[in-house]
């Protein structure tokens, strides 16, 4: 076990790095998709609908295999880490966009009439009034999505991304200590997801109090 320590740490760090980068990219793409959903232009609305229906309706396993081995290869993306991160980002963006859309739809519609009456600039409406409310209301859910994203990195082992699950598969194949390997896998993910679940609960209570 000791001889695999460095490889295990490197794989664990890779999992965290992929998760953080994918989180940033998926939130950014999710914001763009959200604005498409509330756009007055129908083709943006249709794109949002089709994109989210496909993303959420098809298992991530299928996304990883089809998009990497067919689309990514056709585009010349042969780096598993890059391809896997982009696929994971595109998939999770649908979750984030739907969350933003739900938070937006739950806002008090009377304030929109007031903003219109006061003739507030569009930037002021979005960045100083609407965005802060959406962020506050979605923080608990976004934290839960991040936890889902981290666990989803396990599927990237299918395309040989050197993350934590991939390490465990290699460890199991060489040592045949399957129980030890899967216990390491469970503990590794729990060390990240348990703190995130507590953060999500804390944020939920805080938002509820506000």
C-alpha atoms as a PDB file:
ATOM      1  CA  UNK A   1       0.000   0.000   0.000  1.00  0.00           C
ATOM      2  CA  UNK A   2       2.820   2.422   0.906  1.00  0.00           C
ATOM      3  CA  UNK A   3       4.368   2.070  -2.548  1.00  0.00           C
ATOM      4  CA  UNK A   4       1.158   3.434  -4.094  1.00  0.00           C
ATOM      5  CA  UNK A   5       0.956   6.444  -1.761  1.00  0.00           C
ATOM      6  CA  UNK A   6       2.408   9.020  -4.180  1.00  0.00           C
ATOM      7  CA  UNK A   7       0.241   7.799  -7.051  1.00  0.00           C
ATOM      8  CA  UNK A   8      -2.841   7.915  -4.812  1.00  0.00           C
ATOM      9  CA  UNK A   9      -2.152  11.486  -3.657  1.00  0.00           C
ATOM     10  CA  UNK A  10      -1.528  12.624  -7.231  1.00  0.00           C
ATOM     11  CA  UNK A  11      -4.789  11.022  -8.407  1.00  0.00           C
ATOM     12  CA  UNK A  12      -6.715  12.585  -5.514  1.00  0.00           C
ATOM     13  CA  UNK A  13      -5.324  16.035  -6.304  1.00  0.00           C
ATOM     14  CA  UNK A  14      -6.225  15.526  -9.975  1.00  0.00           C
ATOM     15  CA  UNK A  15      -9.816  14.750  -8.956  1.00  0.00           C
ATOM     16  CA  UNK A  16     -10.022  17.956  -6.904  1.00  0.00           C
ATOM     17  CA  UNK A  17      -8.444  20.047  -9.682  1.00  0.00           C
ATOM     18  CA  UNK A  18     -10.824  18.677 -12.316  1.00  0.00           C
ATOM     19  CA  UNK A  19     -13.781  19.287  -9.984  1.00  0.00           C
ATOM     20  CA  UNK A  20     -12.840  22.919  -9.312  1.00  0.00           C
ATOM     21  CA  UNK A  21     -12.166  23.737 -12.980  1.00  0.00           C
ATOM     22  CA  UNK A  22     -15.364  21.967 -14.068  1.00  0.00           C
ATOM     23  CA  UNK A  23     -17.306  23.854 -11.369  1.00  0.00           C
ATOM     24  CA  UNK A  24     -16.115  27.226 -12.676  1.00  0.00           C
ATOM     25  CA  UNK A  25     -16.761  26.340 -16.325  1.00  0.00           C
ATOM     26  CA  UNK A  26     -20.168  24.779 -15.648  1.00  0.00           C
ATOM     27  CA  UNK A  27     -21.346  27.791 -13.634  1.00  0.00           C
ATOM     28  CA  UNK A  28     -20.236  30.174 -16.397  1.00  0.00           C
ATOM     29  CA  UNK A  29     -21.917  28.084 -19.104  1.00  0.00           C
ATOM     30  CA  UNK A  30     -24.929  27.628 -16.818  1.00  0.00           C
ATOM     31  CA  UNK A  31     -25.282  31.414 -16.500  1.00  0.00           C
ATOM     32  CA  UNK A  32     -25.220  31.761 -20.298  1.00  0.00           C
ATOM     33  CA  UNK A  33     -27.846  29.033 -20.634  1.00  0.00           C
ATOM     34  CA  UNK A  34     -29.959  30.750 -17.975  1.00  0.00           C
ATOM     35  CA  UNK A  35     -29.917  34.033 -19.905  1.00  0.00           C
ATOM     36  CA  UNK A  36     -30.933  32.067 -23.008  1.00  0.00           C
ATOM     37  CA  UNK A  37     -33.900  30.681 -21.075  1.00  0.00           C
ATOM     38  CA  UNK A  38     -35.210  34.154 -20.186  1.00  0.00           C
ATOM     39  CA  UNK A  39     -34.340  35.727 -23.533  1.00  0.00           C
ATOM     40  CA  UNK A  40     -37.132  37.163 -25.660  1.00  0.00           C
ATOM     41  CA  UNK A  41     -35.602  35.483 -28.709  1.00  0.00           C
ATOM     42  CA  UNK A  42     -37.232  32.136 -29.364  1.00  0.00           C
ATOM     43  CA  UNK A  43     -34.169  30.451 -30.877  1.00  0.00           C
ATOM     44  CA  UNK A  44     -32.319  30.968 -27.577  1.00  0.00           C
ATOM     45  CA  UNK A  45     -35.289  29.505 -25.685  1.00  0.00           C
ATOM     46  CA  UNK A  46     -35.371  26.486 -28.002  1.00  0.00           C
ATOM     47  CA  UNK A  47     -31.614  25.957 -27.687  1.00  0.00           C
ATOM     48  CA  UNK A  48     -31.877  26.045 -23.890  1.00  0.00           C
ATOM     49  CA  UNK A  49     -34.775  23.596 -23.920  1.00  0.00           C
ATOM     50  CA  UNK A  50     -33.138  21.097 -26.290  1.00  0.00           C
ATOM     51  CA  UNK A  51     -29.734  21.344 -24.587  1.00  0.00           C
ATOM     52  CA  UNK A  52     -31.050  20.782 -21.066  1.00  0.00           C
ATOM     53  CA  UNK A  53     -33.427  18.020 -22.163  1.00  0.00           C
ATOM     54  CA  UNK A  54     -30.587  16.088 -23.794  1.00  0.00           C
ATOM     55  CA  UNK A  55     -28.123  16.762 -20.969  1.00  0.00           C
ATOM     56  CA  UNK A  56     -30.475  15.814 -18.154  1.00  0.00           C
ATOM     57  CA  UNK A  57     -32.251  13.052 -20.070  1.00  0.00           C
ATOM     58  CA  UNK A  58     -29.132  11.103 -21.059  1.00  0.00           C
ATOM     59  CA  UNK A  59     -26.905   9.470 -18.381  1.00  0.00           C
ATOM     60  CA  UNK A  60     -23.479  11.026 -17.866  1.00  0.00           C
ATOM     61  CA  UNK A  61     -21.947   7.645 -18.724  1.00  0.00           C
ATOM     62  CA  UNK A  62     -23.287   7.996 -22.281  1.00  0.00           C
ATOM     63  CA  UNK A  63     -22.109  11.614 -22.483  1.00  0.00           C
ATOM     64  CA  UNK A  64     -18.575  10.629 -21.522  1.00  0.00           C
ATOM     65  CA  UNK A  65     -18.293   7.763 -24.005  1.00  0.00           C
ATOM     66  CA  UNK A  66     -20.037   9.359 -26.991  1.00  0.00           C
ATOM     67  CA  UNK A  67     -18.688  12.899 -26.631  1.00  0.00           C
ATOM     68  CA  UNK A  68     -15.101  11.868 -25.936  1.00  0.00           C
ATOM     69  CA  UNK A  69     -14.619   8.992 -28.361  1.00  0.00           C
ATOM     70  CA  UNK A  70     -16.590  10.588 -31.198  1.00  0.00           C
ATOM     71  CA  UNK A  71     -16.975  14.363 -30.884  1.00  0.00           C
ATOM     72  CA  UNK A  72     -13.783  15.204 -28.978  1.00  0.00           C
ATOM     73  CA  UNK A  73     -11.688  13.002 -31.256  1.00  0.00           C
ATOM     74  CA  UNK A  74     -13.236  14.647 -34.320  1.00  0.00           C
ATOM     75  CA  UNK A  75     -12.324  18.067 -32.894  1.00  0.00           C
ATOM     76  CA  UNK A  76      -8.759  16.947 -32.221  1.00  0.00           C
ATOM     77  CA  UNK A  77      -9.104  16.835 -28.436  1.00  0.00           C
ATOM     78  CA  UNK A  78      -7.005  13.822 -27.486  1.00  0.00           C
ATOM     79  CA  UNK A  79      -6.197  14.842 -23.914  1.00  0.00           C
ATOM     80  CA  UNK A  80      -8.439  12.792 -21.566  1.00  0.00           C
ATOM     81  CA  UNK A  81      -8.219  15.349 -18.742  1.00  0.00           C
ATOM     82  CA  UNK A  82      -9.213  18.253 -21.016  1.00  0.00           C
ATOM     83  CA  UNK A  83     -11.934  16.266 -22.767  1.00  0.00           C
ATOM     84  CA  UNK A  84     -13.310  14.864 -19.521  1.00  0.00           C
ATOM     85  CA  UNK A  85     -13.357  18.269 -17.826  1.00  0.00           C
ATOM     86  CA  UNK A  86     -15.226  19.861 -20.751  1.00  0.00           C
ATOM     87  CA  UNK A  87     -17.761  17.022 -20.908  1.00  0.00           C
ATOM     88  CA  UNK A  88     -18.381  17.195 -17.169  1.00  0.00           C
ATOM     89  CA  UNK A  89     -18.714  20.998 -17.357  1.00  0.00           C
ATOM     90  CA  UNK A  90     -21.228  20.834 -20.194  1.00  0.00           C
ATOM     91  CA  UNK A  91     -23.271  18.222 -18.357  1.00  0.00           C
ATOM     92  CA  UNK A  92     -23.358  20.021 -15.000  1.00  0.00           C
ATOM     93  CA  UNK A  93     -24.133  23.366 -16.665  1.00  0.00           C
ATOM     94  CA  UNK A  94     -27.683  22.124 -17.244  1.00  0.00           C
ATOM     95  CA  UNK A  95     -28.154  21.586 -13.503  1.00  0.00           C
ATOM     96  CA  UNK A  96     -26.835  25.054 -12.701  1.00  0.00           C
ATOM     97  CA  UNK A  97     -28.913  26.769 -15.401  1.00  0.00           C
ATOM     98  CA  UNK A  98     -32.091  25.050 -14.204  1.00  0.00           C
ATOM     99  CA  UNK A  99     -31.295  26.125 -10.642  1.00  0.00           C
ATOM    100  CA  UNK A 100     -30.773  29.739 -11.723  1.00  0.00           C
ATOM    101  CA  UNK A 101     -33.981  29.610 -13.749  1.00  0.00           C
ATOM    102  CA  UNK A 102     -35.955  28.278 -10.787  1.00  0.00           C
ATOM    103  CA  UNK A 103     -34.571  30.973  -8.482  1.00  0.00           C
ATOM    104  CA  UNK A 104     -35.394  33.661 -11.046  1.00  0.00           C
ATOM    105  CA  UNK A 105     -38.963  32.413 -11.498  1.00  0.00           C
ATOM    106  CA  UNK A 106     -39.488  32.446  -7.719  1.00  0.00           C
ATOM    107  CA  UNK A 107     -38.617  36.145  -7.395  1.00  0.00           C
ATOM    108  CA  UNK A 108     -41.377  38.561  -6.448  1.00  0.00           C
ATOM    109  CA  UNK A 109     -42.658  39.822  -9.804  1.00  0.00           C
ATOM    110  CA  UNK A 110     -43.815  43.124  -8.294  1.00  0.00           C
ATOM    111  CA  UNK A 111     -40.223  44.300  -8.024  1.00  0.00           C
ATOM    112  CA  UNK A 112     -39.888  44.042 -11.805  1.00  0.00           C
ATOM    113  CA  UNK A 113     -42.774  46.490 -12.208  1.00  0.00           C
ATOM    114  CA  UNK A 114     -41.129  48.842  -9.698  1.00  0.00           C
ATOM    115  CA  UNK A 115     -37.797  48.670 -11.536  1.00  0.00           C
ATOM    116  CA  UNK A 116     -39.595  49.394 -14.795  1.00  0.00           C
ATOM    117  CA  UNK A 117     -41.461  52.342 -13.245  1.00  0.00           C
ATOM    118  CA  UNK A 118     -38.221  53.784 -11.844  1.00  0.00           C
ATOM    119  CA  UNK A 119     -36.600  53.239 -15.257  1.00  0.00           C
ATOM    120  CA  UNK A 120     -33.531  51.640 -13.706  1.00  0.00           C
ATOM    121  CA  UNK A 121     -30.726  50.801 -16.145  1.00  0.00           C
ATOM    122  CA  UNK A 122     -30.601  47.165 -17.255  1.00  0.00           C
ATOM    123  CA  UNK A 123     -27.168  46.617 -15.661  1.00  0.00           C
ATOM    124  CA  UNK A 124     -28.435  47.944 -12.326  1.00  0.00           C
ATOM    125  CA  UNK A 125     -31.465  45.648 -12.448  1.00  0.00           C
ATOM    126  CA  UNK A 126     -29.394  42.558 -13.200  1.00  0.00           C
ATOM    127  CA  UNK A 127     -26.228  43.026 -11.146  1.00  0.00           C
ATOM    128  CA  UNK A 128     -27.490  45.000  -8.134  1.00  0.00           C
ATOM    129  CA  UNK A 129     -31.018  43.679  -7.628  1.00  0.00           C
ATOM    130  CA  UNK A 130     -31.726  40.391  -9.416  1.00  0.00           C
ATOM    131  CA  UNK A 131     -28.319  38.642  -9.298  1.00  0.00           C
ATOM    132  CA  UNK A 132     -27.776  39.034  -5.509  1.00  0.00           C
ATOM    133  CA  UNK A 133     -31.183  37.472  -4.810  1.00  0.00           C
ATOM    134  CA  UNK A 134     -30.549  34.558  -7.177  1.00  0.00           C
ATOM    135  CA  UNK A 135     -27.102  33.901  -5.689  1.00  0.00           C
ATOM    136  CA  UNK A 136     -28.440  33.949  -2.132  1.00  0.00           C
ATOM    137  CA  UNK A 137     -31.337  31.622  -2.942  1.00  0.00           C
ATOM    138  CA  UNK A 138     -29.247  29.128  -4.923  1.00  0.00           C
ATOM    139  CA  UNK A 139     -26.134  28.797  -2.734  1.00  0.00           C
ATOM    140  CA  UNK A 140     -27.335  25.653  -0.877  1.00  0.00           C
ATOM    141  CA  UNK A 141     -28.331  23.942  -4.131  1.00  0.00           C
ATOM    142  CA  UNK A 142     -25.114  24.985  -5.871  1.00  0.00           C
ATOM    143  CA  UNK A 143     -23.141  23.388  -3.045  1.00  0.00           C
ATOM    144  CA  UNK A 144     -25.091  20.152  -3.516  1.00  0.00           C
ATOM    145  CA  UNK A 145     -24.419  20.300  -7.259  1.00  0.00           C
ATOM    146  CA  UNK A 146     -20.701  20.640  -6.540  1.00  0.00           C
ATOM    147  CA  UNK A 147     -20.888  17.476  -4.463  1.00  0.00           C
ATOM    148  CA  UNK A 148     -22.605  15.700  -7.382  1.00  0.00           C
ATOM    149  CA  UNK A 149     -19.946  17.014  -9.743  1.00  0.00           C
ATOM    150  CA  UNK A 150     -17.140  15.610  -7.584  1.00  0.00           C
ATOM    151  CA  UNK A 151     -18.762  12.171  -7.469  1.00  0.00           C
ATOM    152  CA  UNK A 152     -19.340  12.302 -11.226  1.00  0.00           C
ATOM    153  CA  UNK A 153     -15.592  12.547 -11.867  1.00  0.00           C
ATOM    154  CA  UNK A 154     -15.509   8.791 -11.164  1.00  0.00           C
ATOM    155  CA  UNK A 155     -16.942   8.170 -14.636  1.00  0.00           C
ATOM    156  CA  UNK A 156     -13.957   9.900 -16.231  1.00  0.00           C
ATOM    157  CA  UNK A 157     -11.957   6.773 -15.433  1.00  0.00           C
ATOM    158  CA  UNK A 158     -13.709   5.287 -18.486  1.00  0.00           C
ATOM    159  CA  UNK A 159     -11.580   7.509 -20.727  1.00  0.00           C
ATOM    160  CA  UNK A 160      -8.399   6.902 -18.717  1.00  0.00           C
ATOM    161  CA  UNK A 161      -8.371  10.194 -16.832  1.00  0.00           C
ATOM    162  CA  UNK A 162      -5.827   9.638 -14.008  1.00  0.00           C
ATOM    163  CA  UNK A 163      -8.239  10.596 -11.229  1.00  0.00           C
ATOM    164  CA  UNK A 164      -9.017   8.833  -7.956  1.00  0.00           C
ATOM    165  CA  UNK A 165     -11.323   6.102  -9.294  1.00  0.00           C
ATOM    166  CA  UNK A 166      -8.837   5.310 -12.031  1.00  0.00           C
ATOM    167  CA  UNK A 167      -6.122   4.930  -9.383  1.00  0.00           C
ATOM    168  CA  UNK A 168      -8.300   2.522  -7.382  1.00  0.00           C
ATOM    169  CA  UNK A 169      -8.946   0.439 -10.508  1.00  0.00           C
ATOM    170  CA  UNK A 170      -5.196   0.223 -11.145  1.00  0.00           C
ATOM    171  CA  UNK A 171      -4.540  -0.561  -7.476  1.00  0.00           C
ATOM    172  CA  UNK A 172      -7.139  -3.348  -7.492  1.00  0.00           C
ATOM    173  CA  UNK A 173      -5.808  -4.894 -10.711  1.00  0.00           C
ATOM    174  CA  UNK A 174      -2.250  -5.028  -9.365  1.00  0.00           C
ATOM    175  CA  UNK A 175      -2.843  -6.020  -5.743  1.00  0.00           C
ATOM    176  CA  UNK A 176      -6.236  -7.784  -5.901  1.00  0.00           C
ATOM    177  CA  UNK A 177      -7.039  -6.051  -2.593  1.00  0.00           C
ATOM    178  CA  UNK A 178     -10.484  -5.019  -3.780  1.00  0.00           C
ATOM    179  CA  UNK A 179     -11.950  -4.313  -0.341  1.00  0.00           C
ATOM    180  CA  UNK A 180      -9.033  -2.029   0.535  1.00  0.00           C
ATOM    181  CA  UNK A 181      -9.279  -0.286  -2.821  1.00  0.00           C
ATOM    182  CA  UNK A 182     -12.995   0.437  -2.629  1.00  0.00           C
ATOM    183  CA  UNK A 183     -12.741   1.493   1.014  1.00  0.00           C
ATOM    184  CA  UNK A 184     -10.102   4.029  -0.044  1.00  0.00           C
ATOM    185  CA  UNK A 185     -12.422   5.195  -2.814  1.00  0.00           C
ATOM    186  CA  UNK A 186     -15.361   5.626  -0.428  1.00  0.00           C
ATOM    187  CA  UNK A 187     -13.293   7.432   2.204  1.00  0.00           C
ATOM    188  CA  UNK A 188     -11.683   9.671  -0.411  1.00  0.00           C
ATOM    189  CA  UNK A 189     -15.028  10.930  -1.709  1.00  0.00           C
ATOM    190  CA  UNK A 190     -16.584  11.185   1.755  1.00  0.00           C
ATOM    191  CA  UNK A 191     -13.741  13.448   2.911  1.00  0.00           C
ATOM    192  CA  UNK A 192     -14.979  15.963   0.340  1.00  0.00           C
ATOM    193  CA  UNK A 193     -18.722  15.384   0.144  1.00  0.00           C
ATOM    194  CA  UNK A 194     -19.507  15.267   3.893  1.00  0.00           C
ATOM    195  CA  UNK A 195     -18.124  18.794   4.560  1.00  0.00           C
ATOM    196  CA  UNK A 196     -20.018  20.008   1.476  1.00  0.00           C
ATOM    197  CA  UNK A 197     -23.278  18.533   2.794  1.00  0.00           C
ATOM    198  CA  UNK A 198     -22.824  20.394   6.091  1.00  0.00           C
ATOM    199  CA  UNK A 199     -22.066  23.602   4.206  1.00  0.00           C
ATOM    200  CA  UNK A 200     -25.239  23.118   2.147  1.00  0.00           C
ATOM    201  CA  UNK A 201     -27.322  22.602   5.321  1.00  0.00           C
ATOM    202  CA  UNK A 202     -25.786  25.686   6.923  1.00  0.00           C
ATOM    203  CA  UNK A 203     -26.499  27.807   3.854  1.00  0.00           C
ATOM    204  CA  UNK A 204     -30.068  26.472   3.672  1.00  0.00           C
ATOM    205  CA  UNK A 205     -30.703  27.541   7.264  1.00  0.00           C
ATOM    206  CA  UNK A 206     -29.113  30.932   6.651  1.00  0.00           C
ATOM    207  CA  UNK A 207     -31.183  31.553   3.523  1.00  0.00           C
ATOM    208  CA  UNK A 208     -34.303  30.382   5.380  1.00  0.00           C
ATOM    209  CA  UNK A 209     -33.652  32.843   8.204  1.00  0.00           C
ATOM    210  CA  UNK A 210     -33.159  35.679   5.744  1.00  0.00           C
END
